[in-house]
C-alpha atoms as a PDB file:
ATOM      1  CA  UNK A   1      41.628  62.885  24.161  1.00  0.00           C
ATOM      2  CA  UNK A   2      40.517  65.896  20.712  1.00  0.00           C
ATOM      3  CA  UNK A   3      40.760  69.719  21.038  1.00  0.00           C
ATOM      4  CA  UNK A   4      38.996  72.351  18.251  1.00  0.00           C
ATOM      5  CA  UNK A   5      41.072  74.325  16.829  1.00  0.00           C
ATOM      6  CA  UNK A   6      39.906  77.575  13.828  1.00  0.00           C
ATOM      7  CA  UNK A   7      40.116  76.365  11.058  1.00  0.00           C
ATOM      8  CA  UNK A   8      37.573  77.620   9.036  1.00  0.00           C
ATOM      9  CA  UNK A   9      35.246  76.941  11.926  1.00  0.00           C
ATOM     10  CA  UNK A  10      35.343  75.837  15.044  1.00  0.00           C
ATOM     11  CA  UNK A  11      36.713  72.433  14.417  1.00  0.00           C
ATOM     12  CA  UNK A  12      37.166  68.950  17.315  1.00  0.00           C
ATOM     13  CA  UNK A  13      39.910  66.822  15.740  1.00  0.00           C
ATOM     14  CA  UNK A  14      41.838  64.096  17.522  1.00  0.00           C
ATOM     15  CA  UNK A  15      45.381  62.612  16.586  1.00  0.00           C
ATOM     16  CA  UNK A  16      47.027  59.418  16.590  1.00  0.00           C
ATOM     17  CA  UNK A  17      51.007  58.412  16.295  1.00  0.00           C
ATOM     18  CA  UNK A  18      54.584  60.328  16.358  1.00  0.00           C
ATOM     19  CA  UNK A  19      55.982  59.503  13.657  1.00  0.00           C
ATOM     20  CA  UNK A  20      55.948  59.369   9.635  1.00  0.00           C
ATOM     21  CA  UNK A  21      53.898  61.368   6.836  1.00  0.00           C
ATOM     22  CA  UNK A  22      50.883  63.036   8.200  1.00  0.00           C
ATOM     23  CA  UNK A  23      47.759  61.595   7.130  1.00  0.00           C
ATOM     24  CA  UNK A  24      44.506  63.192   7.077  1.00  0.00           C
ATOM     25  CA  UNK A  25      40.697  61.040   7.520  1.00  0.00           C
ATOM     26  CA  UNK A  26      37.924  62.427   6.174  1.00  0.00           C
ATOM     27  CA  UNK A  27      35.255  60.495   7.372  1.00  0.00           C
ATOM     28  CA  UNK A  28      31.592  59.996   5.824  1.00  0.00           C
ATOM     29  CA  UNK A  29      28.335  62.003   6.409  1.00  0.00           C
ATOM     30  CA  UNK A  30      26.096  62.647   9.039  1.00  0.00           C
ATOM     31  CA  UNK A  31      29.323  60.138  11.742  1.00  0.00           C
ATOM     32  CA  UNK A  32      32.174  61.789  12.739  1.00  0.00           C
ATOM     33  CA  UNK A  33      35.540  60.559  13.005  1.00  0.00           C
ATOM     34  CA  UNK A  34      34.362  57.597  15.535  1.00  0.00           C
ATOM     35  CA  UNK A  35      33.362  56.143  11.897  1.00  0.00           C
ATOM     36  CA  UNK A  36      37.330  55.709  11.407  1.00  0.00           C
ATOM     37  CA  UNK A  37      37.745  53.883  14.392  1.00  0.00           C
ATOM     38  CA  UNK A  38      39.108  50.158  12.613  1.00  0.00           C
ATOM     39  CA  UNK A  39      42.190  52.493  11.139  1.00  0.00           C
ATOM     40  CA  UNK A  40      43.512  54.782  13.475  1.00  0.00           C
ATOM     41  CA  UNK A  41      45.526  52.736  15.418  1.00  0.00           C
ATOM     42  CA  UNK A  42      46.859  51.033  12.155  1.00  0.00           C
ATOM     43  CA  UNK A  43      47.319  54.072  10.913  1.00  0.00           C
ATOM     44  CA  UNK A  44      49.634  55.498  13.104  1.00  0.00           C
ATOM     45  CA  UNK A  45      52.235  52.526  13.132  1.00  0.00           C
ATOM     46  CA  UNK A  46      53.566  53.820  10.431  1.00  0.00           C
ATOM     47  CA  UNK A  47      51.838  57.692   9.774  1.00  0.00           C
ATOM     48  CA  UNK A  48      51.141  60.318  12.076  1.00  0.00           C
ATOM     49  CA  UNK A  49      47.662  60.698  12.161  1.00  0.00           C
ATOM     50  CA  UNK A  50      44.708  63.088  12.107  1.00  0.00           C
ATOM     51  CA  UNK A  51      40.666  63.196  12.273  1.00  0.00           C
ATOM     52  CA  UNK A  52      39.322  66.543  12.033  1.00  0.00           C
ATOM     53  CA  UNK A  53      34.985  66.756  11.842  1.00  0.00           C
ATOM     54  CA  UNK A  54      33.610  68.490  10.002  1.00  0.00           C
ATOM     55  CA  UNK A  55      31.252  71.550  10.368  1.00  0.00           C
ATOM     56  CA  UNK A  56      28.136  70.013  11.269  1.00  0.00           C
ATOM     57  CA  UNK A  57      29.521  66.523  12.630  1.00  0.00           C
ATOM     58  CA  UNK A  58      30.230  64.924  14.876  1.00  0.00           C
ATOM     59  CA  UNK A  59      31.590  66.953  17.744  1.00  0.00           C
ATOM     60  CA  UNK A  60      31.716  70.196  15.803  1.00  0.00           C
ATOM     61  CA  UNK A  61      29.147  73.193  15.338  1.00  0.00           C
ATOM     62  CA  UNK A  62      26.422  73.767  12.798  1.00  0.00           C
ATOM     63  CA  UNK A  63      26.970  77.079  11.637  1.00  0.00           C
ATOM     64  CA  UNK A  64      24.174  79.603   9.127  1.00  0.00           C
ATOM     65  CA  UNK A  65      23.220  78.765   6.873  1.00  0.00           C
ATOM     66  CA  UNK A  66      23.335  75.754   4.036  1.00  0.00           C
ATOM     67  CA  UNK A  67      25.909  73.485   3.463  1.00  0.00           C
ATOM     68  CA  UNK A  68      28.589  72.872   0.878  1.00  0.00           C
ATOM     69  CA  UNK A  69      31.252  70.254  -0.374  1.00  0.00           C
ATOM     70  CA  UNK A  70      32.715  73.321  -1.471  1.00  0.00           C
ATOM     71  CA  UNK A  71      32.906  75.069   1.921  1.00  0.00           C
ATOM     72  CA  UNK A  72      34.446  71.851   4.107  1.00  0.00           C
ATOM     73  CA  UNK A  73      37.169  72.089   1.155  1.00  0.00           C
ATOM     74  CA  UNK A  74      37.927  75.114   2.550  1.00  0.00           C
ATOM     75  CA  UNK A  75      37.920  73.789   6.028  1.00  0.00           C
ATOM     76  CA  UNK A  76      40.192  71.103   5.389  1.00  0.00           C
ATOM     77  CA  UNK A  77      42.281  73.154   2.865  1.00  0.00           C
ATOM     78  CA  UNK A  78      42.928  75.743   6.783  1.00  0.00           C
ATOM     79  CA  UNK A  79      43.299  72.530   8.937  1.00  0.00           C
ATOM     80  CA  UNK A  80      46.204  71.634   6.680  1.00  0.00           C
ATOM     81  CA  UNK A  81      47.750  74.507   6.297  1.00  0.00           C
ATOM     82  CA  UNK A  82      47.171  75.537  10.508  1.00  0.00           C
ATOM     83  CA  UNK A  83      47.081  72.528  12.073  1.00  0.00           C
ATOM     84  CA  UNK A  84      48.697  69.301   9.995  1.00  0.00           C
ATOM     85  CA  UNK A  85      51.433  72.241   8.335  1.00  0.00           C
ATOM     86  CA  UNK A  86      52.290  70.476   5.641  1.00  0.00           C
ATOM     87  CA  UNK A  87      51.773  67.901   2.541  1.00  0.00           C
ATOM     88  CA  UNK A  88      49.294  65.355   3.935  1.00  0.00           C
ATOM     89  CA  UNK A  89      47.724  61.673   2.685  1.00  0.00           C
ATOM     90  CA  UNK A  90      43.645  61.990   2.581  1.00  0.00           C
ATOM     91  CA  UNK A  91      42.012  59.667   2.643  1.00  0.00           C
ATOM     92  CA  UNK A  92      38.310  60.176   2.036  1.00  0.00           C
ATOM     93  CA  UNK A  93      35.098  57.705   2.810  1.00  0.00           C
ATOM     94  CA  UNK A  94      31.688  59.142   0.875  1.00  0.00           C
ATOM     95  CA  UNK A  95      31.526  62.412   1.737  1.00  0.00           C
ATOM     96  CA  UNK A  96      34.875  63.017   3.042  1.00  0.00           C
ATOM     97  CA  UNK A  97      36.293  62.033  -0.360  1.00  0.00           C
ATOM     98  CA  UNK A  98      34.801  64.131  -2.256  1.00  0.00           C
ATOM     99  CA  UNK A  99      36.091  66.417   0.065  1.00  0.00           C
ATOM    100  CA  UNK A 100      38.957  64.909  -0.338  1.00  0.00           C
ATOM    101  CA  UNK A 101      38.763  65.508  -4.831  1.00  0.00           C
ATOM    102  CA  UNK A 102      37.939  68.832  -3.742  1.00  0.00           C
ATOM    103  CA  UNK A 103      41.223  69.895  -2.170  1.00  0.00           C
ATOM    104  CA  UNK A 104      42.842  67.725  -4.194  1.00  0.00           C
ATOM    105  CA  UNK A 105      41.739  70.129  -7.346  1.00  0.00           C
ATOM    106  CA  UNK A 106      42.458  73.460  -5.102  1.00  0.00           C
ATOM    107  CA  UNK A 107      45.406  72.879  -3.511  1.00  0.00           C
ATOM    108  CA  UNK A 108      47.717  69.947  -5.090  1.00  0.00           C
ATOM    109  CA  UNK A 109      50.542  71.298  -3.092  1.00  0.00           C
ATOM    110  CA  UNK A 110      49.423  70.143   0.376  1.00  0.00           C
ATOM    111  CA  UNK A 111      48.606  66.521  -0.692  1.00  0.00           C
ATOM    112  CA  UNK A 112      50.409  64.468  -0.788  1.00  0.00           C
ATOM    113  CA  UNK A 113      48.479  61.264  -2.416  1.00  0.00           C
ATOM    114  CA  UNK A 114      45.112  60.629  -2.227  1.00  0.00           C
ATOM    115  CA  UNK A 115      42.017  57.911  -1.294  1.00  0.00           C
ATOM    116  CA  UNK A 116      38.641  57.635  -1.711  1.00  0.00           C
ATOM    117  CA  UNK A 117      36.150  55.868  -0.697  1.00  0.00           C
ATOM    118  CA  UNK A 118      32.519  55.305  -2.245  1.00  0.00           C
ATOM    119  CA  UNK A 119      32.895  58.599  -3.568  1.00  0.00           C
ATOM    120  CA  UNK A 120      31.046  60.448  -6.184  1.00  0.00           C
ATOM    121  CA  UNK A 121      30.864  63.954  -7.948  1.00  0.00           C
ATOM    122  CA  UNK A 122      27.587  64.414  -9.221  1.00  0.00           C
ATOM    123  CA  UNK A 123      24.633  63.512  -7.321  1.00  0.00           C
ATOM    124  CA  UNK A 124      23.704  61.532 -10.486  1.00  0.00           C
ATOM    125  CA  UNK A 125      26.157  58.957  -9.173  1.00  0.00           C
ATOM    126  CA  UNK A 126      24.205  57.839  -5.953  1.00  0.00           C
ATOM    127  CA  UNK A 127      22.017  54.449  -5.876  1.00  0.00           C
ATOM    128  CA  UNK A 128      19.763  55.794  -2.997  1.00  0.00           C
ATOM    129  CA  UNK A 129      17.391  58.948  -3.975  1.00  0.00           C
ATOM    130  CA  UNK A 130      18.273  61.257  -0.819  1.00  0.00           C
ATOM    131  CA  UNK A 131      14.338  62.566  -0.264  1.00  0.00           C
ATOM    132  CA  UNK A 132      13.930  58.447   0.859  1.00  0.00           C
ATOM    133  CA  UNK A 133      15.764  59.208   3.979  1.00  0.00           C
ATOM    134  CA  UNK A 134      13.012  60.461   7.279  1.00  0.00           C
ATOM    135  CA  UNK A 135      14.951  61.535   9.870  1.00  0.00           C
ATOM    136  CA  UNK A 136      13.112  60.127  12.531  1.00  0.00           C
ATOM    137  CA  UNK A 137      13.536  56.059  10.009  1.00  0.00           C
ATOM    138  CA  UNK A 138      15.033  53.307  11.759  1.00  0.00           C
ATOM    139  CA  UNK A 139      17.784  53.558   8.311  1.00  0.00           C
ATOM    140  CA  UNK A 140      18.993  56.713  10.348  1.00  0.00           C
ATOM    141  CA  UNK A 141      18.527  55.389  14.052  1.00  0.00           C
ATOM    142  CA  UNK A 142      22.225  54.544  13.853  1.00  0.00           C
ATOM    143  CA  UNK A 143      23.950  57.725  13.137  1.00  0.00           C
ATOM    144  CA  UNK A 144      20.871  59.612  15.480  1.00  0.00           C
ATOM    145  CA  UNK A 145      22.183  58.079  18.313  1.00  0.00           C
ATOM    146  CA  UNK A 146      25.607  58.669  17.238  1.00  0.00           C
ATOM    147  CA  UNK A 147      24.545  62.938  16.772  1.00  0.00           C
ATOM    148  CA  UNK A 148      23.003  63.375  20.103  1.00  0.00           C
ATOM    149  CA  UNK A 149      26.105  62.066  21.828  1.00  0.00           C
ATOM    150  CA  UNK A 150      28.437  64.027  20.490  1.00  0.00           C
ATOM    151  CA  UNK A 151      27.350  66.915  18.893  1.00  0.00           C
ATOM    152  CA  UNK A 152      27.426  70.939  21.206  1.00  0.00           C
ATOM    153  CA  UNK A 153      23.872  71.382  18.720  1.00  0.00           C
ATOM    154  CA  UNK A 154      21.561  69.323  21.202  1.00  0.00           C
ATOM    155  CA  UNK A 155      19.265  66.269  19.939  1.00  0.00           C
ATOM    156  CA  UNK A 156      16.891  68.827  18.516  1.00  0.00           C
ATOM    157  CA  UNK A 157      18.964  70.046  15.783  1.00  0.00           C
ATOM    158  CA  UNK A 158      18.696  66.489  14.358  1.00  0.00           C
ATOM    159  CA  UNK A 159      16.266  66.938  11.826  1.00  0.00           C
ATOM    160  CA  UNK A 160      17.705  70.826  10.728  1.00  0.00           C
ATOM    161  CA  UNK A 161      21.076  68.058  10.325  1.00  0.00           C
ATOM    162  CA  UNK A 162      19.889  65.723   7.647  1.00  0.00           C
ATOM    163  CA  UNK A 163      17.848  68.001   5.808  1.00  0.00           C
ATOM    164  CA  UNK A 164      21.220  70.584   5.133  1.00  0.00           C
ATOM    165  CA  UNK A 165      22.514  67.242   4.172  1.00  0.00           C
ATOM    166  CA  UNK A 166      19.683  66.221   1.792  1.00  0.00           C
ATOM    167  CA  UNK A 167      20.134  69.405   0.326  1.00  0.00           C
ATOM    168  CA  UNK A 168      23.914  69.114  -0.058  1.00  0.00           C
ATOM    169  CA  UNK A 169      23.843  65.596  -1.894  1.00  0.00           C
ATOM    170  CA  UNK A 170      20.749  66.860  -4.099  1.00  0.00           C
ATOM    171  CA  UNK A 171      22.872  69.494  -5.556  1.00  0.00           C
ATOM    172  CA  UNK A 172      26.972  68.571  -6.149  1.00  0.00           C
ATOM    173  CA  UNK A 173      28.599  68.565  -8.808  1.00  0.00           C
ATOM    174  CA  UNK A 174      32.337  68.686 -10.127  1.00  0.00           C
ATOM    175  CA  UNK A 175      32.504  69.017 -14.069  1.00  0.00           C
ATOM    176  CA  UNK A 176      34.786  65.586 -14.892  1.00  0.00           C
ATOM    177  CA  UNK A 177      37.354  68.834 -16.859  1.00  0.00           C
ATOM    178  CA  UNK A 178      38.502  70.240 -13.400  1.00  0.00           C
ATOM    179  CA  UNK A 179      38.553  66.910 -11.844  1.00  0.00           C
ATOM    180  CA  UNK A 180      41.696  66.028 -14.919  1.00  0.00           C
ATOM    181  CA  UNK A 181      43.205  68.243 -13.496  1.00  0.00           C
ATOM    182  CA  UNK A 182      43.515  67.110 -10.523  1.00  0.00           C
ATOM    183  CA  UNK A 183      47.793  65.586  -9.959  1.00  0.00           C
ATOM    184  CA  UNK A 184      48.662  63.901  -6.735  1.00  0.00           C
ATOM    185  CA  UNK A 185      47.883  60.163  -6.756  1.00  0.00           C
ATOM    186  CA  UNK A 186      44.975  58.729  -6.404  1.00  0.00           C
ATOM    187  CA  UNK A 187      43.584  54.417  -5.304  1.00  0.00           C
ATOM    188  CA  UNK A 188      39.021  55.285  -5.972  1.00  0.00           C
ATOM    189  CA  UNK A 189      37.790  51.867  -3.417  1.00  0.00           C
ATOM    190  CA  UNK A 190      34.048  51.210  -4.187  1.00  0.00           C
ATOM    191  CA  UNK A 191      32.579  48.029  -3.333  1.00  0.00           C
ATOM    192  CA  UNK A 192      31.097  45.798  -5.733  1.00  0.00           C
ATOM    193  CA  UNK A 193      27.262  47.228  -3.988  1.00  0.00           C
ATOM    194  CA  UNK A 194      27.784  50.274  -2.904  1.00  0.00           C
ATOM    195  CA  UNK A 195      25.812  53.315  -2.058  1.00  0.00           C
ATOM    196  CA  UNK A 196      27.704  54.334  -4.848  1.00  0.00           C
ATOM    197  CA  UNK A 197      27.113  53.292  -9.011  1.00  0.00           C
ATOM    198  CA  UNK A 198      30.404  51.251 -10.695  1.00  0.00           C
ATOM    199  CA  UNK A 199      29.216  53.303 -13.676  1.00  0.00           C
ATOM    200  CA  UNK A 200      30.073  56.375 -11.928  1.00  0.00           C
ATOM    201  CA  UNK A 201      33.235  55.317 -10.033  1.00  0.00           C
ATOM    202  CA  UNK A 202      34.537  53.668 -13.291  1.00  0.00           C
ATOM    203  CA  UNK A 203      33.902  57.451 -14.883  1.00  0.00           C
ATOM    204  CA  UNK A 204      35.444  59.291 -11.233  1.00  0.00           C
ATOM    205  CA  UNK A 205      38.926  56.588 -11.784  1.00  0.00           C
ATOM    206  CA  UNK A 206      38.798  57.824 -15.772  1.00  0.00           C
ATOM    207  CA  UNK A 207      38.522  61.334 -15.334  1.00  0.00           C
ATOM    208  CA  UNK A 208      41.826  61.389 -13.143  1.00  0.00           C
ATOM    209  CA  UNK A 209      45.153  60.596 -14.991  1.00  0.00           C
ATOM    210  CA  UNK A 210      47.296  59.542 -12.159  1.00  0.00           C
ATOM    211  CA  UNK A 211      44.401  57.258 -10.550  1.00  0.00           C
ATOM    212  CA  UNK A 212      43.951  53.184  -9.773  1.00  0.00           C
ATOM    213  CA  UNK A 213      40.981  52.025  -9.020  1.00  0.00           C
ATOM    214  CA  UNK A 214      40.024  48.916  -6.575  1.00  0.00           C
ATOM    215  CA  UNK A 215      36.344  46.941  -7.053  1.00  0.00           C
ATOM    216  CA  UNK A 216      35.952  45.404  -3.415  1.00  0.00           C
ATOM    217  CA  UNK A 217      33.643  42.060  -3.720  1.00  0.00           C
ATOM    218  CA  UNK A 218      31.123  41.274  -1.688  1.00  0.00           C
ATOM    219  CA  UNK A 219      31.150  45.023   0.084  1.00  0.00           C
ATOM    220  CA  UNK A 220      28.714  47.899   0.448  1.00  0.00           C
ATOM    221  CA  UNK A 221      29.326  51.856   1.477  1.00  0.00           C
ATOM    222  CA  UNK A 222      30.258  50.667   4.441  1.00  0.00           C
ATOM    223  CA  UNK A 223      33.606  48.896   3.280  1.00  0.00           C
ATOM    224  CA  UNK A 224      35.910  49.921   5.765  1.00  0.00           C
ATOM    225  CA  UNK A 225      34.158  48.272   8.416  1.00  0.00           C
ATOM    226  CA  UNK A 226      32.622  45.486   6.111  1.00  0.00           C
ATOM    227  CA  UNK A 227      36.264  44.302   5.245  1.00  0.00           C
ATOM    228  CA  UNK A 228      38.869  46.331   7.916  1.00  0.00           C
ATOM    229  CA  UNK A 229      41.604  44.182   6.912  1.00  0.00           C
ATOM    230  CA  UNK A 230      41.782  43.940   3.671  1.00  0.00           C
ATOM    231  CA  UNK A 231      40.880  47.994   2.939  1.00  0.00           C
ATOM    232  CA  UNK A 232      43.399  48.906   5.859  1.00  0.00           C
ATOM    233  CA  UNK A 233      46.375  47.058   3.670  1.00  0.00           C
ATOM    234  CA  UNK A 234      45.331  48.106   0.088  1.00  0.00           C
ATOM    235  CA  UNK A 235      45.628  51.357   1.351  1.00  0.00           C
ATOM    236  CA  UNK A 236      48.778  51.387   3.405  1.00  0.00           C
ATOM    237  CA  UNK A 237      50.833  49.322   0.540  1.00  0.00           C
ATOM    238  CA  UNK A 238      49.050  52.443  -2.363  1.00  0.00           C
ATOM    239  CA  UNK A 239      50.216  55.292   0.113  1.00  0.00           C
ATOM    240  CA  UNK A 240      54.290  53.631   1.344  1.00  0.00           C
ATOM    241  CA  UNK A 241      54.577  52.558  -2.567  1.00  0.00           C
ATOM    242  CA  UNK A 242      55.318  53.113  -5.786  1.00  0.00           C
ATOM    243  CA  UNK A 243      53.282  51.998  -8.769  1.00  0.00           C
ATOM    244  CA  UNK A 244      53.729  48.420  -9.358  1.00  0.00           C
ATOM    245  CA  UNK A 245      55.220  47.441 -12.914  1.00  0.00           C
ATOM    246  CA  UNK A 246      52.977  45.539 -14.769  1.00  0.00           C
ATOM    247  CA  UNK A 247      53.243  43.510 -18.345  1.00  0.00           C
ATOM    248  CA  UNK A 248      51.296  44.811 -20.683  1.00  0.00           C
ATOM    249  CA  UNK A 249      50.216  48.195 -20.159  1.00  0.00           C
ATOM    250  CA  UNK A 250      46.808  49.999 -21.262  1.00  0.00           C
ATOM    251  CA  UNK A 251      46.014  53.161 -20.040  1.00  0.00           C
ATOM    252  CA  UNK A 252      49.493  53.967 -18.546  1.00  0.00           C
ATOM    253  CA  UNK A 253      51.238  53.117 -21.255  1.00  0.00           C
ATOM    254  CA  UNK A 254      54.006  55.679 -22.694  1.00  0.00           C
END
């Protein structure tokens, strides 16, 4: 059973696992932490898992004014300081990956390793134009149902919430030189048919010095649901081990 904590905003979070290093799961946009249903139990076997829901998502209420990744990153930093209370691994999916990147930039002292799935650093990396999304359209029907079941803001707030998310998506930009300061080891993971272009993902990978890249075949933006076993194994191997030594390094040659 989850609970609320004041961490930048009134934040709902769930936990799992009682041993190991802390791991914070950062869900994608338009959904809550129930999106991690195929990861929570598996990761809890090795880590103390925390799954906060960001402002306006899941059980966490909306706030006055626009939404921004920067504010959500600040909330996540507050959550790390007040709840986790030590450096943690960050695993972020979609919007959660964008937030994880900003946290790693601003507070590397709070981050052990980072995994981002289907993340972007600029709106130009999105495959589908955001303006095409209709709050009451069939493409968002599943998200709307999940929102109405959990949100304390009520079903009538759904169009307002979607409008804020679209504005946030359209106006996001992180300069490459800011990504270059990221210190924690980072795994950049994407599906080969993701909502983020492969070219954008490769530029993200190249911008982060201590990073690794994984492109999953026959996978889309919901890769953590589509290929949970593969994704979970890949993430656990990255978090629990030092990087392997390669025989003919180029990018990592000393």
